[in-house]
PDBML (XML) file of the C-alpha atoms, coordinates in Angstrom:
<?xml version="1.0" encoding="UTF-8" ?>
<PDBx:datablock datablockName="MODEL"
   xmlns:PDBx="http://pdbml.pdb.org/schema/pdbx-v50.xsd"
   xmlns:xsi="http://www.w3.org/2001/XMLSchema-instance"
   xsi:schemaLocation="http://pdbml.pdb.org/schema/pdbx-v50.xsd pdbx-v50.xsd">
   <PDBx:atom_siteCategory>
      <PDBx:atom_site id="1">
         <PDBx:B_iso_or_equiv>0.00</PDBx:B_iso_or_equiv>
         <PDBx:Cartn_x>9.650</PDBx:Cartn_x>
         <PDBx:Cartn_y>1.244</PDBx:Cartn_y>
         <PDBx:Cartn_z>-0.487</PDBx:Cartn_z>
         <PDBx:auth_asym_id>A</PDBx:auth_asym_id>
         <PDBx:auth_atom_id>CA</PDBx:auth_atom_id>
         <PDBx:auth_comp_id>UNK</PDBx:auth_comp_id>
         <PDBx:auth_seq_id>1</PDBx:auth_seq_id>
         <PDBx:group_PDB>ATOM</PDBx:group_PDB>
         <PDBx:label_alt_id xsi:nil="true" />
         <PDBx:label_asym_id>A</PDBx:label_asym_id>
         <PDBx:label_atom_id>CA</PDBx:label_atom_id>
         <PDBx:label_comp_id>UNK</PDBx:label_comp_id>
         <PDBx:label_entity_id>1</PDBx:label_entity_id>
         <PDBx:label_seq_id>1</PDBx:label_seq_id>
         <PDBx:occupancy>1.00</PDBx:occupancy>
         <PDBx:pdbx_PDB_model_num>1</PDBx:pdbx_PDB_model_num>
         <PDBx:type_symbol>C</PDBx:type_symbol>
      </PDBx:atom_site>
      <PDBx:atom_site id="2">
         <PDBx:B_iso_or_equiv>0.00</PDBx:B_iso_or_equiv>
         <PDBx:Cartn_x>7.647</PDBx:Cartn_x>
         <PDBx:Cartn_y>4.142</PDBx:Cartn_y>
         <PDBx:Cartn_z>1.160</PDBx:Cartn_z>
         <PDBx:auth_asym_id>A</PDBx:auth_asym_id>
         <PDBx:auth_atom_id>CA</PDBx:auth_atom_id>
         <PDBx:auth_comp_id>UNK</PDBx:auth_comp_id>
         <PDBx:auth_seq_id>2</PDBx:auth_seq_id>
         <PDBx:group_PDB>ATOM</PDBx:group_PDB>
         <PDBx:label_alt_id xsi:nil="true" />
         <PDBx:label_asym_id>A</PDBx:label_asym_id>
         <PDBx:label_atom_id>CA</PDBx:label_atom_id>
         <PDBx:label_comp_id>UNK</PDBx:label_comp_id>
         <PDBx:label_entity_id>1</PDBx:label_entity_id>
         <PDBx:label_seq_id>2</PDBx:label_seq_id>
         <PDBx:occupancy>1.00</PDBx:occupancy>
         <PDBx:pdbx_PDB_model_num>1</PDBx:pdbx_PDB_model_num>
         <PDBx:type_symbol>C</PDBx:type_symbol>
      </PDBx:atom_site>
      <PDBx:atom_site id="3">
         <PDBx:B_iso_or_equiv>0.00</PDBx:B_iso_or_equiv>
         <PDBx:Cartn_x>5.484</PDBx:Cartn_x>
         <PDBx:Cartn_y>1.488</PDBx:Cartn_y>
         <PDBx:Cartn_z>2.966</PDBx:Cartn_z>
         <PDBx:auth_asym_id>A</PDBx:auth_asym_id>
         <PDBx:auth_atom_id>CA</PDBx:auth_atom_id>
         <PDBx:auth_comp_id>UNK</PDBx:auth_comp_id>
         <PDBx:auth_seq_id>3</PDBx:auth_seq_id>
         <PDBx:group_PDB>ATOM</PDBx:group_PDB>
         <PDBx:label_alt_id xsi:nil="true" />
         <PDBx:label_asym_id>A</PDBx:label_asym_id>
         <PDBx:label_atom_id>CA</PDBx:label_atom_id>
         <PDBx:label_comp_id>UNK</PDBx:label_comp_id>
         <PDBx:label_entity_id>1</PDBx:label_entity_id>
         <PDBx:label_seq_id>3</PDBx:label_seq_id>
         <PDBx:occupancy>1.00</PDBx:occupancy>
         <PDBx:pdbx_PDB_model_num>1</PDBx:pdbx_PDB_model_num>
         <PDBx:type_symbol>C</PDBx:type_symbol>
      </PDBx:atom_site>
      <PDBx:atom_site id="4">
         <PDBx:B_iso_or_equiv>0.00</PDBx:B_iso_or_equiv>
         <PDBx:Cartn_x>8.576</PDBx:Cartn_x>
         <PDBx:Cartn_y>-0.100</PDBx:Cartn_y>
         <PDBx:Cartn_z>4.641</PDBx:Cartn_z>
         <PDBx:auth_asym_id>A</PDBx:auth_asym_id>
         <PDBx:auth_atom_id>CA</PDBx:auth_atom_id>
         <PDBx:auth_comp_id>UNK</PDBx:auth_comp_id>
         <PDBx:auth_seq_id>4</PDBx:auth_seq_id>
         <PDBx:group_PDB>ATOM</PDBx:group_PDB>
         <PDBx:label_alt_id xsi:nil="true" />
         <PDBx:label_asym_id>A</PDBx:label_asym_id>
         <PDBx:label_atom_id>CA</PDBx:label_atom_id>
         <PDBx:label_comp_id>UNK</PDBx:label_comp_id>
         <PDBx:label_entity_id>1</PDBx:label_entity_id>
         <PDBx:label_seq_id>4</PDBx:label_seq_id>
         <PDBx:occupancy>1.00</PDBx:occupancy>
         <PDBx:pdbx_PDB_model_num>1</PDBx:pdbx_PDB_model_num>
         <PDBx:type_symbol>C</PDBx:type_symbol>
      </PDBx:atom_site>
      <PDBx:atom_site id="5">
         <PDBx:B_iso_or_equiv>0.00</PDBx:B_iso_or_equiv>
         <PDBx:Cartn_x>10.513</PDBx:Cartn_x>
         <PDBx:Cartn_y>2.980</PDBx:Cartn_y>
         <PDBx:Cartn_z>5.205</PDBx:Cartn_z>
         <PDBx:auth_asym_id>A</PDBx:auth_asym_id>
         <PDBx:auth_atom_id>CA</PDBx:auth_atom_id>
         <PDBx:auth_comp_id>UNK</PDBx:auth_comp_id>
         <PDBx:auth_seq_id>5</PDBx:auth_seq_id>
         <PDBx:group_PDB>ATOM</PDBx:group_PDB>
         <PDBx:label_alt_id xsi:nil="true" />
         <PDBx:label_asym_id>A</PDBx:label_asym_id>
         <PDBx:label_atom_id>CA</PDBx:label_atom_id>
         <PDBx:label_comp_id>UNK</PDBx:label_comp_id>
         <PDBx:label_entity_id>1</PDBx:label_entity_id>
         <PDBx:label_seq_id>5</PDBx:label_seq_id>
         <PDBx:occupancy>1.00</PDBx:occupancy>
         <PDBx:pdbx_PDB_model_num>1</PDBx:pdbx_PDB_model_num>
         <PDBx:type_symbol>C</PDBx:type_symbol>
      </PDBx:atom_site>
      <PDBx:atom_site id="6">
         <PDBx:B_iso_or_equiv>0.00</PDBx:B_iso_or_equiv>
         <PDBx:Cartn_x>8.124</PDBx:Cartn_x>
         <PDBx:Cartn_y>4.677</PDBx:Cartn_y>
         <PDBx:Cartn_z>6.840</PDBx:Cartn_z>
         <PDBx:auth_asym_id>A</PDBx:auth_asym_id>
         <PDBx:auth_atom_id>CA</PDBx:auth_atom_id>
         <PDBx:auth_comp_id>UNK</PDBx:auth_comp_id>
         <PDBx:auth_seq_id>6</PDBx:auth_seq_id>
         <PDBx:group_PDB>ATOM</PDBx:group_PDB>
         <PDBx:label_alt_id xsi:nil="true" />
         <PDBx:label_asym_id>A</PDBx:label_asym_id>
         <PDBx:label_atom_id>CA</PDBx:label_atom_id>
         <PDBx:label_comp_id>UNK</PDBx:label_comp_id>
         <PDBx:label_entity_id>1</PDBx:label_entity_id>
         <PDBx:label_seq_id>6</PDBx:label_seq_id>
         <PDBx:occupancy>1.00</PDBx:occupancy>
         <PDBx:pdbx_PDB_model_num>1</PDBx:pdbx_PDB_model_num>
         <PDBx:type_symbol>C</PDBx:type_symbol>
      </PDBx:atom_site>
      <PDBx:atom_site id="7">
         <PDBx:B_iso_or_equiv>0.00</PDBx:B_iso_or_equiv>
         <PDBx:Cartn_x>7.206</PDBx:Cartn_x>
         <PDBx:Cartn_y>1.678</PDBx:Cartn_y>
         <PDBx:Cartn_z>9.200</PDBx:Cartn_z>
         <PDBx:auth_asym_id>A</PDBx:auth_asym_id>
         <PDBx:auth_atom_id>CA</PDBx:auth_atom_id>
         <PDBx:auth_comp_id>UNK</PDBx:auth_comp_id>
         <PDBx:auth_seq_id>7</PDBx:auth_seq_id>
         <PDBx:group_PDB>ATOM</PDBx:group_PDB>
         <PDBx:label_alt_id xsi:nil="true" />
         <PDBx:label_asym_id>A</PDBx:label_asym_id>
         <PDBx:label_atom_id>CA</PDBx:label_atom_id>
         <PDBx:label_comp_id>UNK</PDBx:label_comp_id>
         <PDBx:label_entity_id>1</PDBx:label_entity_id>
         <PDBx:label_seq_id>7</PDBx:label_seq_id>
         <PDBx:occupancy>1.00</PDBx:occupancy>
         <PDBx:pdbx_PDB_model_num>1</PDBx:pdbx_PDB_model_num>
         <PDBx:type_symbol>C</PDBx:type_symbol>
      </PDBx:atom_site>
      <PDBx:atom_site id="8">
         <PDBx:B_iso_or_equiv>0.00</PDBx:B_iso_or_equiv>
         <PDBx:Cartn_x>3.369</PDBx:Cartn_x>
         <PDBx:Cartn_y>2.142</PDBx:Cartn_y>
         <PDBx:Cartn_z>8.082</PDBx:Cartn_z>
         <PDBx:auth_asym_id>A</PDBx:auth_asym_id>
         <PDBx:auth_atom_id>CA</PDBx:auth_atom_id>
         <PDBx:auth_comp_id>UNK</PDBx:auth_comp_id>
         <PDBx:auth_seq_id>8</PDBx:auth_seq_id>
         <PDBx:group_PDB>ATOM</PDBx:group_PDB>
         <PDBx:label_alt_id xsi:nil="true" />
         <PDBx:label_asym_id>A</PDBx:label_asym_id>
         <PDBx:label_atom_id>CA</PDBx:label_atom_id>
         <PDBx:label_comp_id>UNK</PDBx:label_comp_id>
         <PDBx:label_entity_id>1</PDBx:label_entity_id>
         <PDBx:label_seq_id>8</PDBx:label_seq_id>
         <PDBx:occupancy>1.00</PDBx:occupancy>
         <PDBx:pdbx_PDB_model_num>1</PDBx:pdbx_PDB_model_num>
         <PDBx:type_symbol>C</PDBx:type_symbol>
      </PDBx:atom_site>
      <PDBx:atom_site id="9">
         <PDBx:B_iso_or_equiv>0.00</PDBx:B_iso_or_equiv>
         <PDBx:Cartn_x>1.412</PDBx:Cartn_x>
         <PDBx:Cartn_y>-0.022</PDBx:Cartn_y>
         <PDBx:Cartn_z>10.148</PDBx:Cartn_z>
         <PDBx:auth_asym_id>A</PDBx:auth_asym_id>
         <PDBx:auth_atom_id>CA</PDBx:auth_atom_id>
         <PDBx:auth_comp_id>UNK</PDBx:auth_comp_id>
         <PDBx:auth_seq_id>9</PDBx:auth_seq_id>
         <PDBx:group_PDB>ATOM</PDBx:group_PDB>
         <PDBx:label_alt_id xsi:nil="true" />
         <PDBx:label_asym_id>A</PDBx:label_asym_id>
         <PDBx:label_atom_id>CA</PDBx:label_atom_id>
         <PDBx:label_comp_id>UNK</PDBx:label_comp_id>
         <PDBx:label_entity_id>1</PDBx:label_entity_id>
         <PDBx:label_seq_id>9</PDBx:label_seq_id>
         <PDBx:occupancy>1.00</PDBx:occupancy>
         <PDBx:pdbx_PDB_model_num>1</PDBx:pdbx_PDB_model_num>
         <PDBx:type_symbol>C</PDBx:type_symbol>
      </PDBx:atom_site>
      <PDBx:atom_site id="10">
         <PDBx:B_iso_or_equiv>0.00</PDBx:B_iso_or_equiv>
         <PDBx:Cartn_x>-2.039</PDBx:Cartn_x>
         <PDBx:Cartn_y>0.257</PDBx:Cartn_y>
         <PDBx:Cartn_z>8.094</PDBx:Cartn_z>
         <PDBx:auth_asym_id>A</PDBx:auth_asym_id>
         <PDBx:auth_atom_id>CA</PDBx:auth_atom_id>
         <PDBx:auth_comp_id>UNK</PDBx:auth_comp_id>
         <PDBx:auth_seq_id>10</PDBx:auth_seq_id>
         <PDBx:group_PDB>ATOM</PDBx:group_PDB>
         <PDBx:label_alt_id xsi:nil="true" />
         <PDBx:label_asym_id>A</PDBx:label_asym_id>
         <PDBx:label_atom_id>CA</PDBx:label_atom_id>
         <PDBx:label_comp_id>UNK</PDBx:label_comp_id>
         <PDBx:label_entity_id>1</PDBx:label_entity_id>
         <PDBx:label_seq_id>10</PDBx:label_seq_id>
         <PDBx:occupancy>1.00</PDBx:occupancy>
         <PDBx:pdbx_PDB_model_num>1</PDBx:pdbx_PDB_model_num>
         <PDBx:type_symbol>C</PDBx:type_symbol>
      </PDBx:atom_site>
      <PDBx:atom_site id="11">
         <PDBx:B_iso_or_equiv>0.00</PDBx:B_iso_or_equiv>
         <PDBx:Cartn_x>-2.988</PDBx:Cartn_x>
         <PDBx:Cartn_y>1.851</PDBx:Cartn_y>
         <PDBx:Cartn_z>4.644</PDBx:Cartn_z>
         <PDBx:auth_asym_id>A</PDBx:auth_asym_id>
         <PDBx:auth_atom_id>CA</PDBx:auth_atom_id>
         <PDBx:auth_comp_id>UNK</PDBx:auth_comp_id>
         <PDBx:auth_seq_id>11</PDBx:auth_seq_id>
         <PDBx:group_PDB>ATOM</PDBx:group_PDB>
         <PDBx:label_alt_id xsi:nil="true" />
         <PDBx:label_asym_id>A</PDBx:label_asym_id>
         <PDBx:label_atom_id>CA</PDBx:label_atom_id>
         <PDBx:label_comp_id>UNK</PDBx:label_comp_id>
         <PDBx:label_entity_id>1</PDBx:label_entity_id>
         <PDBx:label_seq_id>11</PDBx:label_seq_id>
         <PDBx:occupancy>1.00</PDBx:occupancy>
         <PDBx:pdbx_PDB_model_num>1</PDBx:pdbx_PDB_model_num>
         <PDBx:type_symbol>C</PDBx:type_symbol>
      </PDBx:atom_site>
      <PDBx:atom_site id="12">
         <PDBx:B_iso_or_equiv>0.00</PDBx:B_iso_or_equiv>
         <PDBx:Cartn_x>-6.154</PDBx:Cartn_x>
         <PDBx:Cartn_y>3.147</PDBx:Cartn_y>
         <PDBx:Cartn_z>3.507</PDBx:Cartn_z>
         <PDBx:auth_asym_id>A</PDBx:auth_asym_id>
         <PDBx:auth_atom_id>CA</PDBx:auth_atom_id>
         <PDBx:auth_comp_id>UNK</PDBx:auth_comp_id>
         <PDBx:auth_seq_id>12</PDBx:auth_seq_id>
         <PDBx:group_PDB>ATOM</PDBx:group_PDB>
         <PDBx:label_alt_id xsi:nil="true" />
         <PDBx:label_asym_id>A</PDBx:label_asym_id>
         <PDBx:label_atom_id>CA</PDBx:label_atom_id>
         <PDBx:label_comp_id>UNK</PDBx:label_comp_id>
         <PDBx:label_entity_id>1</PDBx:label_entity_id>
         <PDBx:label_seq_id>12</PDBx:label_seq_id>
         <PDBx:occupancy>1.00</PDBx:occupancy>
         <PDBx:pdbx_PDB_model_num>1</PDBx:pdbx_PDB_model_num>
         <PDBx:type_symbol>C</PDBx:type_symbol>
      </PDBx:atom_site>
      <PDBx:atom_site id="13">
         <PDBx:B_iso_or_equiv>0.00</PDBx:B_iso_or_equiv>
         <PDBx:Cartn_x>-6.522</PDBx:Cartn_x>
         <PDBx:Cartn_y>3.278</PDBx:Cartn_y>
         <PDBx:Cartn_z>-0.175</PDBx:Cartn_z>
         <PDBx:auth_asym_id>A</PDBx:auth_asym_id>
         <PDBx:auth_atom_id>CA</PDBx:auth_atom_id>
         <PDBx:auth_comp_id>UNK</PDBx:auth_comp_id>
         <PDBx:auth_seq_id>13</PDBx:auth_seq_id>
         <PDBx:group_PDB>ATOM</PDBx:group_PDB>
         <PDBx:label_alt_id xsi:nil="true" />
         <PDBx:label_asym_id>A</PDBx:label_asym_id>
         <PDBx:label_atom_id>CA</PDBx:label_atom_id>
         <PDBx:label_comp_id>UNK</PDBx:label_comp_id>
         <PDBx:label_entity_id>1</PDBx:label_entity_id>
         <PDBx:label_seq_id>13</PDBx:label_seq_id>
         <PDBx:occupancy>1.00</PDBx:occupancy>
         <PDBx:pdbx_PDB_model_num>1</PDBx:pdbx_PDB_model_num>
         <PDBx:type_symbol>C</PDBx:type_symbol>
      </PDBx:atom_site>
      <PDBx:atom_site id="14">
         <PDBx:B_iso_or_equiv>0.00</PDBx:B_iso_or_equiv>
         <PDBx:Cartn_x>-8.943</PDBx:Cartn_x>
         <PDBx:Cartn_y>3.806</PDBx:Cartn_y>
         <PDBx:Cartn_z>-2.747</PDBx:Cartn_z>
         <PDBx:auth_asym_id>A</PDBx:auth_asym_id>
         <PDBx:auth_atom_id>CA</PDBx:auth_atom_id>
         <PDBx:auth_comp_id>UNK</PDBx:auth_comp_id>
         <PDBx:auth_seq_id>14</PDBx:auth_seq_id>
         <PDBx:group_PDB>ATOM</PDBx:group_PDB>
         <PDBx:label_alt_id xsi:nil="true" />
         <PDBx:label_asym_id>A</PDBx:label_asym_id>
         <PDBx:label_atom_id>CA</PDBx:label_atom_id>
         <PDBx:label_comp_id>UNK</PDBx:label_comp_id>
         <PDBx:label_entity_id>1</PDBx:label_entity_id>
         <PDBx:label_seq_id>14</PDBx:label_seq_id>
         <PDBx:occupancy>1.00</PDBx:occupancy>
         <PDBx:pdbx_PDB_model_num>1</PDBx:pdbx_PDB_model_num>
         <PDBx:type_symbol>C</PDBx:type_symbol>
      </PDBx:atom_site>
      <PDBx:atom_site id="15">
         <PDBx:B_iso_or_equiv>0.00</PDBx:B_iso_or_equiv>
         <PDBx:Cartn_x>-10.721</PDBx:Cartn_x>
         <PDBx:Cartn_y>1.116</PDBx:Cartn_y>
         <PDBx:Cartn_z>-4.752</PDBx:Cartn_z>
         <PDBx:auth_asym_id>A</PDBx:auth_asym_id>
         <PDBx:auth_atom_id>CA</PDBx:auth_atom_id>
         <PDBx:auth_comp_id>UNK</PDBx:auth_comp_id>
         <PDBx:auth_seq_id>15</PDBx:auth_seq_id>
         <PDBx:group_PDB>ATOM</PDBx:group_PDB>
         <PDBx:label_alt_id xsi:nil="true" />
         <PDBx:label_asym_id>A</PDBx:label_asym_id>
         <PDBx:label_atom_id>CA</PDBx:label_atom_id>
         <PDBx:label_comp_id>UNK</PDBx:label_comp_id>
         <PDBx:label_entity_id>1</PDBx:label_entity_id>
         <PDBx:label_seq_id>15</PDBx:label_seq_id>
         <PDBx:occupancy>1.00</PDBx:occupancy>
         <PDBx:pdbx_PDB_model_num>1</PDBx:pdbx_PDB_model_num>
         <PDBx:type_symbol>C</PDBx:type_symbol>
      </PDBx:atom_site>
      <PDBx:atom_site id="16">
         <PDBx:B_iso_or_equiv>0.00</PDBx:B_iso_or_equiv>
         <PDBx:Cartn_x>-8.933</PDBx:Cartn_x>
         <PDBx:Cartn_y>2.104</PDBx:Cartn_y>
         <PDBx:Cartn_z>-7.737</PDBx:Cartn_z>
         <PDBx:auth_asym_id>A</PDBx:auth_asym_id>
         <PDBx:auth_atom_id>CA</PDBx:auth_atom_id>
         <PDBx:auth_comp_id>UNK</PDBx:auth_comp_id>
         <PDBx:auth_seq_id>16</PDBx:auth_seq_id>
         <PDBx:group_PDB>ATOM</PDBx:group_PDB>
         <PDBx:label_alt_id xsi:nil="true" />
         <PDBx:label_asym_id>A</PDBx:label_asym_id>
         <PDBx:label_atom_id>CA</PDBx:label_atom_id>
         <PDBx:label_comp_id>UNK</PDBx:label_comp_id>
         <PDBx:label_entity_id>1</PDBx:label_entity_id>
         <PDBx:label_seq_id>16</PDBx:label_seq_id>
         <PDBx:occupancy>1.00</PDBx:occupancy>
         <PDBx:pdbx_PDB_model_num>1</PDBx:pdbx_PDB_model_num>
         <PDBx:type_symbol>C</PDBx:type_symbol>
      </PDBx:atom_site>
      <PDBx:atom_site id="17">
         <PDBx:B_iso_or_equiv>0.00</PDBx:B_iso_or_equiv>
         <PDBx:Cartn_x>-5.550</PDBx:Cartn_x>
         <PDBx:Cartn_y>1.469</PDBx:Cartn_y>
         <PDBx:Cartn_z>-6.463</PDBx:Cartn_z>
         <PDBx:auth_asym_id>A</PDBx:auth_asym_id>
         <PDBx:auth_atom_id>CA</PDBx:auth_atom_id>
         <PDBx:auth_comp_id>UNK</PDBx:auth_comp_id>
         <PDBx:auth_seq_id>17</PDBx:auth_seq_id>
         <PDBx:group_PDB>ATOM</PDBx:group_PDB>
         <PDBx:label_alt_id xsi:nil="true" />
         <PDBx:label_asym_id>A</PDBx:label_asym_id>
         <PDBx:label_atom_id>CA</PDBx:label_atom_id>
         <PDBx:label_comp_id>UNK</PDBx:label_comp_id>
         <PDBx:label_entity_id>1</PDBx:label_entity_id>
         <PDBx:label_seq_id>17</PDBx:label_seq_id>
         <PDBx:occupancy>1.00</PDBx:occupancy>
         <PDBx:pdbx_PDB_model_num>1</PDBx:pdbx_PDB_model_num>
         <PDBx:type_symbol>C</PDBx:type_symbol>
      </PDBx:atom_site>
      <PDBx:atom_site id="18">
         <PDBx:B_iso_or_equiv>0.00</PDBx:B_iso_or_equiv>
         <PDBx:Cartn_x>-6.125</PDBx:Cartn_x>
         <PDBx:Cartn_y>-2.349</PDBx:Cartn_y>
         <PDBx:Cartn_z>-6.180</PDBx:Cartn_z>
         <PDBx:auth_asym_id>A</PDBx:auth_asym_id>
         <PDBx:auth_atom_id>CA</PDBx:auth_atom_id>
         <PDBx:auth_comp_id>UNK</PDBx:auth_comp_id>
         <PDBx:auth_seq_id>18</PDBx:auth_seq_id>
         <PDBx:group_PDB>ATOM</PDBx:group_PDB>
         <PDBx:label_alt_id xsi:nil="true" />
         <PDBx:label_asym_id>A</PDBx:label_asym_id>
         <PDBx:label_atom_id>CA</PDBx:label_atom_id>
         <PDBx:label_comp_id>UNK</PDBx:label_comp_id>
         <PDBx:label_entity_id>1</PDBx:label_entity_id>
         <PDBx:label_seq_id>18</PDBx:label_seq_id>
         <PDBx:occupancy>1.00</PDBx:occupancy>
         <PDBx:pdbx_PDB_model_num>1</PDBx:pdbx_PDB_model_num>
         <PDBx:type_symbol>C</PDBx:type_symbol>
      </PDBx:atom_site>
      <PDBx:atom_site id="19">
         <PDBx:B_iso_or_equiv>0.00</PDBx:B_iso_or_equiv>
         <PDBx:Cartn_x>-4.231</PDBx:Cartn_x>
         <PDBx:Cartn_y>-3.422</PDBx:Cartn_y>
         <PDBx:Cartn_z>-9.146</PDBx:Cartn_z>
         <PDBx:auth_asym_id>A</PDBx:auth_asym_id>
         <PDBx:auth_atom_id>CA</PDBx:auth_atom_id>
         <PDBx:auth_comp_id>UNK</PDBx:auth_comp_id>
         <PDBx:auth_seq_id>19</PDBx:auth_seq_id>
         <PDBx:group_PDB>ATOM</PDBx:group_PDB>
         <PDBx:label_alt_id xsi:nil="true" />
         <PDBx:label_asym_id>A</PDBx:label_asym_id>
         <PDBx:label_atom_id>CA</PDBx:label_atom_id>
         <PDBx:label_comp_id>UNK</PDBx:label_comp_id>
         <PDBx:label_entity_id>1</PDBx:label_entity_id>
         <PDBx:label_seq_id>19</PDBx:label_seq_id>
         <PDBx:occupancy>1.00</PDBx:occupancy>
         <PDBx:pdbx_PDB_model_num>1</PDBx:pdbx_PDB_model_num>
         <PDBx:type_symbol>C</PDBx:type_symbol>
      </PDBx:atom_site>
      <PDBx:atom_site id="20">
         <PDBx:B_iso_or_equiv>0.00</PDBx:B_iso_or_equiv>
         <PDBx:Cartn_x>-1.389</PDBx:Cartn_x>
         <PDBx:Cartn_y>-1.625</PDBx:Cartn_y>
         <PDBx:Cartn_z>-7.733</PDBx:Cartn_z>
         <PDBx:auth_asym_id>A</PDBx:auth_asym_id>
         <PDBx:auth_atom_id>CA</PDBx:auth_atom_id>
         <PDBx:auth_comp_id>UNK</PDBx:auth_comp_id>
         <PDBx:auth_seq_id>20</PDBx:auth_seq_id>
         <PDBx:group_PDB>ATOM</PDBx:group_PDB>
         <PDBx:label_alt_id xsi:nil="true" />
         <PDBx:label_asym_id>A</PDBx:label_asym_id>
         <PDBx:label_atom_id>CA</PDBx:label_atom_id>
         <PDBx:label_comp_id>UNK</PDBx:label_comp_id>
         <PDBx:label_entity_id>1</PDBx:label_entity_id>
         <PDBx:label_seq_id>20</PDBx:label_seq_id>
         <PDBx:occupancy>1.00</PDBx:occupancy>
         <PDBx:pdbx_PDB_model_num>1</PDBx:pdbx_PDB_model_num>
         <PDBx:type_symbol>C</PDBx:type_symbol>
      </PDBx:atom_site>
      <PDBx:atom_site id="21">
         <PDBx:B_iso_or_equiv>0.00</PDBx:B_iso_or_equiv>
         <PDBx:Cartn_x>-1.230</PDBx:Cartn_x>
         <PDBx:Cartn_y>-2.517</PDBx:Cartn_y>
         <PDBx:Cartn_z>-4.348</PDBx:Cartn_z>
         <PDBx:auth_asym_id>A</PDBx:auth_asym_id>
         <PDBx:auth_atom_id>CA</PDBx:auth_atom_id>
         <PDBx:auth_comp_id>UNK</PDBx:auth_comp_id>
         <PDBx:auth_seq_id>21</PDBx:auth_seq_id>
         <PDBx:group_PDB>ATOM</PDBx:group_PDB>
         <PDBx:label_alt_id xsi:nil="true" />
         <PDBx:label_asym_id>A</PDBx:label_asym_id>
         <PDBx:label_atom_id>CA</PDBx:label_atom_id>
         <PDBx:label_comp_id>UNK</PDBx:label_comp_id>
         <PDBx:label_entity_id>1</PDBx:label_entity_id>
         <PDBx:label_seq_id>21</PDBx:label_seq_id>
         <PDBx:occupancy>1.00</PDBx:occupancy>
         <PDBx:pdbx_PDB_model_num>1</PDBx:pdbx_PDB_model_num>
         <PDBx:type_symbol>C</PDBx:type_symbol>
      </PDBx:atom_site>
      <PDBx:atom_site id="22">
         <PDBx:B_iso_or_equiv>0.00</PDBx:B_iso_or_equiv>
         <PDBx:Cartn_x>-2.237</PDBx:Cartn_x>
         <PDBx:Cartn_y>-6.136</PDBx:Cartn_y>
         <PDBx:Cartn_z>-4.653</PDBx:Cartn_z>
         <PDBx:auth_asym_id>A</PDBx:auth_asym_id>
         <PDBx:auth_atom_id>CA</PDBx:auth_atom_id>
         <PDBx:auth_comp_id>UNK</PDBx:auth_comp_id>
         <PDBx:auth_seq_id>22</PDBx:auth_seq_id>
         <PDBx:group_PDB>ATOM</PDBx:group_PDB>
         <PDBx:label_alt_id xsi:nil="true" />
         <PDBx:label_asym_id>A</PDBx:label_asym_id>
         <PDBx:label_atom_id>CA</PDBx:label_atom_id>
         <PDBx:label_comp_id>UNK</PDBx:label_comp_id>
         <PDBx:label_entity_id>1</PDBx:label_entity_id>
         <PDBx:label_seq_id>22</PDBx:label_seq_id>
         <PDBx:occupancy>1.00</PDBx:occupancy>
         <PDBx:pdbx_PDB_model_num>1</PDBx:pdbx_PDB_model_num>
         <PDBx:type_symbol>C</PDBx:type_symbol>
      </PDBx:atom_site>
      <PDBx:atom_site id="23">
         <PDBx:B_iso_or_equiv>0.00</PDBx:B_iso_or_equiv>
         <PDBx:Cartn_x>1.002</PDBx:Cartn_x>
         <PDBx:Cartn_y>-7.414</PDBx:Cartn_y>
         <PDBx:Cartn_z>-6.137</PDBx:Cartn_z>
         <PDBx:auth_asym_id>A</PDBx:auth_asym_id>
         <PDBx:auth_atom_id>CA</PDBx:auth_atom_id>
         <PDBx:auth_comp_id>UNK</PDBx:auth_comp_id>
         <PDBx:auth_seq_id>23</PDBx:auth_seq_id>
         <PDBx:group_PDB>ATOM</PDBx:group_PDB>
         <PDBx:label_alt_id xsi:nil="true" />
         <PDBx:label_asym_id>A</PDBx:label_asym_id>
         <PDBx:label_atom_id>CA</PDBx:label_atom_id>
         <PDBx:label_comp_id>UNK</PDBx:label_comp_id>
         <PDBx:label_entity_id>1</PDBx:label_entity_id>
         <PDBx:label_seq_id>23</PDBx:label_seq_id>
         <PDBx:occupancy>1.00</PDBx:occupancy>
         <PDBx:pdbx_PDB_model_num>1</PDBx:pdbx_PDB_model_num>
         <PDBx:type_symbol>C</PDBx:type_symbol>
      </PDBx:atom_site>
      <PDBx:atom_site id="24">
         <PDBx:B_iso_or_equiv>0.00</PDBx:B_iso_or_equiv>
         <PDBx:Cartn_x>3.030</PDBx:Cartn_x>
         <PDBx:Cartn_y>-5.891</PDBx:Cartn_y>
         <PDBx:Cartn_z>-3.405</PDBx:Cartn_z>
         <PDBx:auth_asym_id>A</PDBx:auth_asym_id>
         <PDBx:auth_atom_id>CA</PDBx:auth_atom_id>
         <PDBx:auth_comp_id>UNK</PDBx:auth_comp_id>
         <PDBx:auth_seq_id>24</PDBx:auth_seq_id>
         <PDBx:group_PDB>ATOM</PDBx:group_PDB>
         <PDBx:label_alt_id xsi:nil="true" />
         <PDBx:label_asym_id>A</PDBx:label_asym_id>
         <PDBx:label_atom_id>CA</PDBx:label_atom_id>
         <PDBx:label_comp_id>UNK</PDBx:label_comp_id>
         <PDBx:label_entity_id>1</PDBx:label_entity_id>
         <PDBx:label_seq_id>24</PDBx:label_seq_id>
         <PDBx:occupancy>1.00</PDBx:occupancy>
         <PDBx:pdbx_PDB_model_num>1</PDBx:pdbx_PDB_model_num>
         <PDBx:type_symbol>C</PDBx:type_symbol>
      </PDBx:atom_site>
      <PDBx:atom_site id="25">
         <PDBx:B_iso_or_equiv>0.00</PDBx:B_iso_or_equiv>
         <PDBx:Cartn_x>1.051</PDBx:Cartn_x>
         <PDBx:Cartn_y>-5.905</PDBx:Cartn_y>
         <PDBx:Cartn_z>-0.522</PDBx:Cartn_z>
         <PDBx:auth_asym_id>A</PDBx:auth_asym_id>
         <PDBx:auth_atom_id>CA</PDBx:auth_atom_id>
         <PDBx:auth_comp_id>UNK</PDBx:auth_comp_id>
         <PDBx:auth_seq_id>25</PDBx:auth_seq_id>
         <PDBx:group_PDB>ATOM</PDBx:group_PDB>
         <PDBx:label_alt_id xsi:nil="true" />
         <PDBx:label_asym_id>A</PDBx:label_asym_id>
         <PDBx:label_atom_id>CA</PDBx:label_atom_id>
         <PDBx:label_comp_id>UNK</PDBx:label_comp_id>
         <PDBx:label_entity_id>1</PDBx:label_entity_id>
         <PDBx:label_seq_id>25</PDBx:label_seq_id>
         <PDBx:occupancy>1.00</PDBx:occupancy>
         <PDBx:pdbx_PDB_model_num>1</PDBx:pdbx_PDB_model_num>
         <PDBx:type_symbol>C</PDBx:type_symbol>
      </PDBx:atom_site>
   </PDBx:atom_siteCategory>
</PDBx:datablock>
């Protein structure tokens, strides 16, 4: 929701968040 609502064009994330982000990226 935040990614789409903010219209973010890139994401910088810690490797520990791969499991949370990968299913929705």
